[in-house]
Amino acid sequence: MYFFSREFLLTLYFGGCFKDLAVPDSSVTLQASLTNLKFLEINDLCYAEVEEVSCALCLIRSSPNLQKLLITVFCSRNVSTNPFLQLSERDGFLDFSLNQLQEVKLQRFIGTLPEMEFVRLLLAKSSALKVMHIQPPSKMVAGEQLKILKEIIRFKRASPEAEITCDDFSEDVV
């Protein structure tokens, strides 16, 4: 077992199964705040799983000084549930702000409803956001890319300076 002082934790990389992270269903934040965390990287987040989205949001909410967020999506087009509907029913779970978050990068983004709701949430809660990078999988069709981009640019933003960039979108989209 490794012990660390959360006061010195500036970067956190989380990869793997969120179900292994012991966070009670009703938790809004971790018991110990990650006050100095500046960069959070989450790999293979499955937006179809309520537990995973809940744990990811718990980590984000527990990091009041978070400046950069990188999430690699676990691609799955077979999404039959929207975790955000279930999470919105929990008292205060989606009631937070990300006043320090400046940069977000979402990799392997395919535009499922839960992914789009997550983007909507981040844009609405991040008053200092400067840029959100959306990177689709390399084989995504140009028409799908354009449809996603058109929807995202209509989302309300807490930061008037927030730009949305679309890395690796097909050149014939632009």
C-alpha atoms as a PDB file:
ATOM      1  CA  MET A   1       0.000   0.000   0.000  1.00  0.00           C
ATOM      2  CA  TYR A   2       1.278   3.450  -0.902  1.00  0.00           C
ATOM      3  CA  PHE A   3       0.724   6.470   1.277  1.00  0.00           C
ATOM      4  CA  PHE A   4       0.852  10.014   0.014  1.00  0.00           C
ATOM      5  CA  SER A   5       0.080  13.445   1.289  1.00  0.00           C
ATOM      6  CA  ARG A   6      -2.811  14.957  -0.629  1.00  0.00           C
ATOM      7  CA  GLU A   7      -1.327  18.416   0.054  1.00  0.00           C
ATOM      8  CA  PHE A   8       1.424  17.667  -2.465  1.00  0.00           C
ATOM      9  CA  LEU A   9      -0.695  15.896  -5.063  1.00  0.00           C
ATOM     10  CA  LEU A  10      -0.678  18.121  -8.160  1.00  0.00           C
ATOM     11  CA  THR A  11      -1.323  15.508 -10.849  1.00  0.00           C
ATOM     12  CA  LEU A  12      -3.511  12.420 -10.705  1.00  0.00           C
ATOM     13  CA  TYR A  13      -3.691   9.746 -13.376  1.00  0.00           C
ATOM     14  CA  PHE A  14      -6.585   7.337 -13.080  1.00  0.00           C
ATOM     15  CA  GLY A  15      -6.836   4.423 -15.471  1.00  0.00           C
ATOM     16  CA  GLY A  16      -8.817   1.278 -15.147  1.00  0.00           C
ATOM     17  CA  CYS A  17     -12.059   0.302 -13.607  1.00  0.00           C
ATOM     18  CA  PHE A  18     -13.853   2.973 -11.626  1.00  0.00           C
ATOM     19  CA  LYS A  19     -15.831   0.280  -9.866  1.00  0.00           C
ATOM     20  CA  ASP A  20     -12.642  -0.397  -7.873  1.00  0.00           C
ATOM     21  CA  LEU A  21     -12.761   3.120  -6.443  1.00  0.00           C
ATOM     22  CA  ALA A  22     -14.726   2.916  -3.225  1.00  0.00           C
ATOM     23  CA  VAL A  23     -17.074   5.902  -3.312  1.00  0.00           C
ATOM     24  CA  PRO A  24     -20.465   5.577  -1.659  1.00  0.00           C
ATOM     25  CA  ASP A  25     -23.411   6.099  -4.001  1.00  0.00           C
ATOM     26  CA  SER A  26     -24.495   9.197  -2.159  1.00  0.00           C
ATOM     27  CA  SER A  27     -21.037  10.852  -2.122  1.00  0.00           C
ATOM     28  CA  VAL A  28     -20.777  14.240  -3.697  1.00  0.00           C
ATOM     29  CA  THR A  29     -17.065  14.651  -2.951  1.00  0.00           C
ATOM     30  CA  LEU A  30     -14.301  12.517  -1.506  1.00  0.00           C
ATOM     31  CA  GLN A  31     -13.871  12.585   2.257  1.00  0.00           C
ATOM     32  CA  ALA A  32     -10.476  14.236   1.755  1.00  0.00           C
ATOM     33  CA  SER A  33     -10.442  17.141  -0.689  1.00  0.00           C
ATOM     34  CA  LEU A  34      -7.739  17.171  -3.363  1.00  0.00           C
ATOM     35  CA  THR A  35      -7.126  20.881  -2.793  1.00  0.00           C
ATOM     36  CA  ASN A  36      -3.861  21.231  -4.730  1.00  0.00           C
ATOM     37  CA  LEU A  37      -4.714  18.946  -7.630  1.00  0.00           C
ATOM     38  CA  LYS A  38      -4.137  20.865 -10.880  1.00  0.00           C
ATOM     39  CA  PHE A  39      -4.241  18.101 -13.520  1.00  0.00           C
ATOM     40  CA  LEU A  40      -6.525  15.068 -13.642  1.00  0.00           C
ATOM     41  CA  GLU A  41      -6.294  12.384 -16.320  1.00  0.00           C
ATOM     42  CA  ILE A  42      -8.969   9.703 -16.521  1.00  0.00           C
ATOM     43  CA  ASN A  43      -8.557   6.853 -18.992  1.00  0.00           C
ATOM     44  CA  ASP A  44     -11.261   4.590 -20.409  1.00  0.00           C
ATOM     45  CA  LEU A  45     -14.242   6.300 -18.803  1.00  0.00           C
ATOM     46  CA  CYS A  46     -17.430   4.536 -19.848  1.00  0.00           C
ATOM     47  CA  TYR A  47     -20.248   7.090 -19.926  1.00  0.00           C
ATOM     48  CA  ALA A  48     -22.823   4.296 -20.054  1.00  0.00           C
ATOM     49  CA  GLU A  49     -22.010   3.239 -16.487  1.00  0.00           C
ATOM     50  CA  VAL A  50     -23.616   5.357 -13.768  1.00  0.00           C
ATOM     51  CA  GLU A  51     -21.000   4.254 -11.218  1.00  0.00           C
ATOM     52  CA  GLU A  52     -18.124   5.346 -13.444  1.00  0.00           C
ATOM     53  CA  VAL A  53     -19.618   8.734 -14.273  1.00  0.00           C
ATOM     54  CA  SER A  54     -20.478   9.226 -10.600  1.00  0.00           C
ATOM     55  CA  CYS A  55     -16.904   8.421  -9.518  1.00  0.00           C
ATOM     56  CA  ALA A  56     -15.407  10.676 -12.198  1.00  0.00           C
ATOM     57  CA  LEU A  57     -17.632  13.564 -11.123  1.00  0.00           C
ATOM     58  CA  CYS A  58     -16.767  12.866  -7.487  1.00  0.00           C
ATOM     59  CA  LEU A  59     -13.036  13.176  -8.292  1.00  0.00           C
ATOM     60  CA  ILE A  60     -13.642  16.365 -10.277  1.00  0.00           C
ATOM     61  CA  ARG A  61     -15.838  17.913  -7.572  1.00  0.00           C
ATOM     62  CA  SER A  62     -13.235  17.041  -4.915  1.00  0.00           C
ATOM     63  CA  SER A  63     -10.599  19.037  -6.817  1.00  0.00           C
ATOM     64  CA  PRO A  64     -11.567  22.710  -6.357  1.00  0.00           C
ATOM     65  CA  ASN A  65      -8.353  24.016  -7.952  1.00  0.00           C
ATOM     66  CA  LEU A  66      -8.347  21.697 -10.956  1.00  0.00           C
ATOM     67  CA  GLN A  67      -7.007  23.492 -14.031  1.00  0.00           C
ATOM     68  CA  LYS A  68      -6.649  20.753 -16.648  1.00  0.00           C
ATOM     69  CA  LEU A  69      -8.778  17.687 -17.287  1.00  0.00           C
ATOM     70  CA  LEU A  70      -8.015  14.934 -19.799  1.00  0.00           C
ATOM     71  CA  ILE A  71     -10.512  12.133 -20.343  1.00  0.00           C
ATOM     72  CA  THR A  72     -10.112   9.266 -22.769  1.00  0.00           C
ATOM     73  CA  VAL A  73     -13.506   7.817 -23.522  1.00  0.00           C
ATOM     74  CA  PHE A  74     -14.192   4.110 -23.560  1.00  0.00           C
ATOM     75  CA  CYS A  75     -15.938   3.972 -26.920  1.00  0.00           C
ATOM     76  CA  SER A  76     -19.329   2.359 -26.908  1.00  0.00           C
ATOM     77  CA  ARG A  77     -22.145   3.243 -29.252  1.00  0.00           C
ATOM     78  CA  ASN A  78     -24.484   0.850 -27.434  1.00  0.00           C
ATOM     79  CA  VAL A  79     -25.521   3.265 -24.728  1.00  0.00           C
ATOM     80  CA  SER A  80     -29.007   2.526 -23.452  1.00  0.00           C
ATOM     81  CA  THR A  81     -28.891   4.645 -20.280  1.00  0.00           C
ATOM     82  CA  ASN A  82     -28.087   8.248 -19.526  1.00  0.00           C
ATOM     83  CA  PRO A  83     -26.272   8.416 -16.167  1.00  0.00           C
ATOM     84  CA  PHE A  84     -26.886  12.155 -15.940  1.00  0.00           C
ATOM     85  CA  LEU A  85     -30.623  11.602 -15.588  1.00  0.00           C
ATOM     86  CA  GLN A  86     -30.033   9.326 -12.607  1.00  0.00           C
ATOM     87  CA  LEU A  87     -27.370  11.584 -11.096  1.00  0.00           C
ATOM     88  CA  SER A  88     -29.557  14.683 -11.405  1.00  0.00           C
ATOM     89  CA  GLU A  89     -32.071  12.992  -9.103  1.00  0.00           C
ATOM     90  CA  ARG A  90     -29.498  12.879  -6.272  1.00  0.00           C
ATOM     91  CA  ASP A  91     -29.768  15.951  -4.065  1.00  0.00           C
ATOM     92  CA  GLY A  92     -27.065  18.442  -4.980  1.00  0.00           C
ATOM     93  CA  PHE A  93     -24.971  16.011  -7.001  1.00  0.00           C
ATOM     94  CA  LEU A  94     -24.796  18.209 -10.095  1.00  0.00           C
ATOM     95  CA  ASP A  95     -24.756  21.444  -8.099  1.00  0.00           C
ATOM     96  CA  PHE A  96     -21.131  22.581  -8.237  1.00  0.00           C
ATOM     97  CA  SER A  97     -18.790  24.937 -10.065  1.00  0.00           C
ATOM     98  CA  LEU A  98     -15.332  24.532 -11.530  1.00  0.00           C
ATOM     99  CA  ASN A  99     -13.929  28.032 -11.110  1.00  0.00           C
ATOM    100  CA  GLN A 100     -10.305  27.122 -11.877  1.00  0.00           C
ATOM    101  CA  LEU A 101     -10.757  24.691 -14.786  1.00  0.00           C
ATOM    102  CA  GLN A 102      -9.124  26.190 -17.867  1.00  0.00           C
ATOM    103  CA  GLU A 103      -8.557  23.312 -20.263  1.00  0.00           C
ATOM    104  CA  VAL A 104     -10.452  20.115 -21.060  1.00  0.00           C
ATOM    105  CA  LYS A 105      -9.482  17.463 -23.578  1.00  0.00           C
ATOM    106  CA  LEU A 106     -11.829  14.616 -24.455  1.00  0.00           C
ATOM    107  CA  GLN A 107     -10.233  11.871 -26.544  1.00  0.00           C
ATOM    108  CA  ARG A 108     -12.064   9.186 -28.589  1.00  0.00           C
ATOM    109  CA  PHE A 109     -15.235  11.252 -28.257  1.00  0.00           C
ATOM    110  CA  ILE A 110     -18.070   9.778 -30.350  1.00  0.00           C
ATOM    111  CA  GLY A 111     -20.962  11.996 -29.308  1.00  0.00           C
ATOM    112  CA  THR A 112     -23.244   9.618 -27.402  1.00  0.00           C
ATOM    113  CA  LEU A 113     -25.963  11.280 -25.333  1.00  0.00           C
ATOM    114  CA  PRO A 114     -24.082  10.822 -22.011  1.00  0.00           C
ATOM    115  CA  GLU A 115     -20.877  12.228 -23.557  1.00  0.00           C
ATOM    116  CA  MET A 116     -22.771  15.255 -24.853  1.00  0.00           C
ATOM    117  CA  GLU A 117     -24.401  15.785 -21.440  1.00  0.00           C
ATOM    118  CA  PHE A 118     -20.962  15.670 -19.822  1.00  0.00           C
ATOM    119  CA  VAL A 119     -19.696  18.348 -22.236  1.00  0.00           C
ATOM    120  CA  ARG A 120     -22.809  20.452 -21.557  1.00  0.00           C
ATOM    121  CA  LEU A 121     -22.189  20.122 -17.796  1.00  0.00           C
ATOM    122  CA  LEU A 122     -18.498  21.075 -18.025  1.00  0.00           C
ATOM    123  CA  LEU A 123     -19.225  24.093 -20.228  1.00  0.00           C
ATOM    124  CA  ALA A 124     -21.975  25.279 -17.874  1.00  0.00           C
ATOM    125  CA  LYS A 125     -19.904  24.852 -14.689  1.00  0.00           C
ATOM    126  CA  SER A 126     -16.460  26.097 -15.795  1.00  0.00           C
ATOM    127  CA  SER A 127     -16.320  29.894 -15.515  1.00  0.00           C
ATOM    128  CA  ALA A 128     -12.562  30.105 -16.256  1.00  0.00           C
ATOM    129  CA  LEU A 129     -12.552  27.664 -19.177  1.00  0.00           C
ATOM    130  CA  LYS A 130     -10.364  28.777 -22.054  1.00  0.00           C
ATOM    131  CA  VAL A 131     -10.448  25.765 -24.342  1.00  0.00           C
ATOM    132  CA  MET A 132     -12.202  22.437 -24.721  1.00  0.00           C
ATOM    133  CA  HIS A 133     -10.531  20.036 -27.146  1.00  0.00           C
ATOM    134  CA  ILE A 134     -12.743  17.370 -28.688  1.00  0.00           C
ATOM    135  CA  GLN A 135     -10.905  14.540 -30.403  1.00  0.00           C
ATOM    136  CA  PRO A 136     -12.995  11.882 -32.165  1.00  0.00           C
ATOM    137  CA  PRO A 137     -11.693   8.427 -33.065  1.00  0.00           C
ATOM    138  CA  SER A 138      -9.614   8.477 -36.229  1.00  0.00           C
ATOM    139  CA  LYS A 139     -12.164   6.534 -38.296  1.00  0.00           C
ATOM    140  CA  MET A 140     -15.200   8.721 -37.541  1.00  0.00           C
ATOM    141  CA  VAL A 141     -17.082   9.836 -40.649  1.00  0.00           C
ATOM    142  CA  ALA A 142     -16.907  13.561 -41.448  1.00  0.00           C
ATOM    143  CA  GLY A 143     -20.702  13.977 -41.375  1.00  0.00           C
ATOM    144  CA  GLU A 144     -20.882  12.593 -37.822  1.00  0.00           C
ATOM    145  CA  GLN A 145     -18.082  14.914 -36.741  1.00  0.00           C
ATOM    146  CA  LEU A 146     -19.885  17.950 -38.113  1.00  0.00           C
ATOM    147  CA  LYS A 147     -23.173  16.959 -36.449  1.00  0.00           C
ATOM    148  CA  ILE A 148     -21.427  16.682 -33.057  1.00  0.00           C
ATOM    149  CA  LEU A 149     -19.634  19.993 -33.482  1.00  0.00           C
ATOM    150  CA  LYS A 150     -22.832  21.830 -34.501  1.00  0.00           C
ATOM    151  CA  GLU A 151     -24.588  20.601 -31.365  1.00  0.00           C
ATOM    152  CA  ILE A 152     -21.719  21.377 -28.979  1.00  0.00           C
ATOM    153  CA  ILE A 153     -21.217  24.948 -30.155  1.00  0.00           C
ATOM    154  CA  ARG A 154     -24.848  25.687 -29.209  1.00  0.00           C
ATOM    155  CA  PHE A 155     -24.325  24.695 -25.549  1.00  0.00           C
ATOM    156  CA  LYS A 156     -24.345  27.521 -23.003  1.00  0.00           C
ATOM    157  CA  ARG A 157     -20.968  28.382 -21.524  1.00  0.00           C
ATOM    158  CA  ALA A 158     -20.157  29.843 -18.126  1.00  0.00           C
ATOM    159  CA  SER A 159     -16.982  31.309 -19.614  1.00  0.00           C
ATOM    160  CA  PRO A 160     -17.423  33.796 -22.461  1.00  0.00           C
ATOM    161  CA  GLU A 161     -13.831  33.043 -23.491  1.00  0.00           C
ATOM    162  CA  ALA A 162     -14.297  29.276 -23.866  1.00  0.00           C
ATOM    163  CA  GLU A 163     -13.268  27.991 -27.277  1.00  0.00           C
ATOM    164  CA  ILE A 164     -14.119  24.576 -28.612  1.00  0.00           C
ATOM    165  CA  THR A 165     -11.505  22.973 -30.812  1.00  0.00           C
ATOM    166  CA  CYS A 166     -11.919  19.766 -32.697  1.00  0.00           C
ATOM    167  CA  ASP A 167      -8.622  17.948 -33.011  1.00  0.00           C
ATOM    168  CA  ASP A 168      -8.221  15.475 -35.839  1.00  0.00           C
ATOM    169  CA  PHE A 169     -11.582  16.228 -37.397  1.00  0.00           C
ATOM    170  CA  SER A 170     -11.564  15.409 -41.072  1.00  0.00           C
ATOM    171  CA  GLU A 171     -10.301  18.282 -43.214  1.00  0.00           C
ATOM    172  CA  ASP A 172     -13.371  18.139 -45.439  1.00  0.00           C
ATOM    173  CA  VAL A 173     -15.568  19.109 -42.447  1.00  0.00           C
ATOM    174  CA  VAL A 174     -14.029  22.558 -42.139  1.00  0.00           C
END
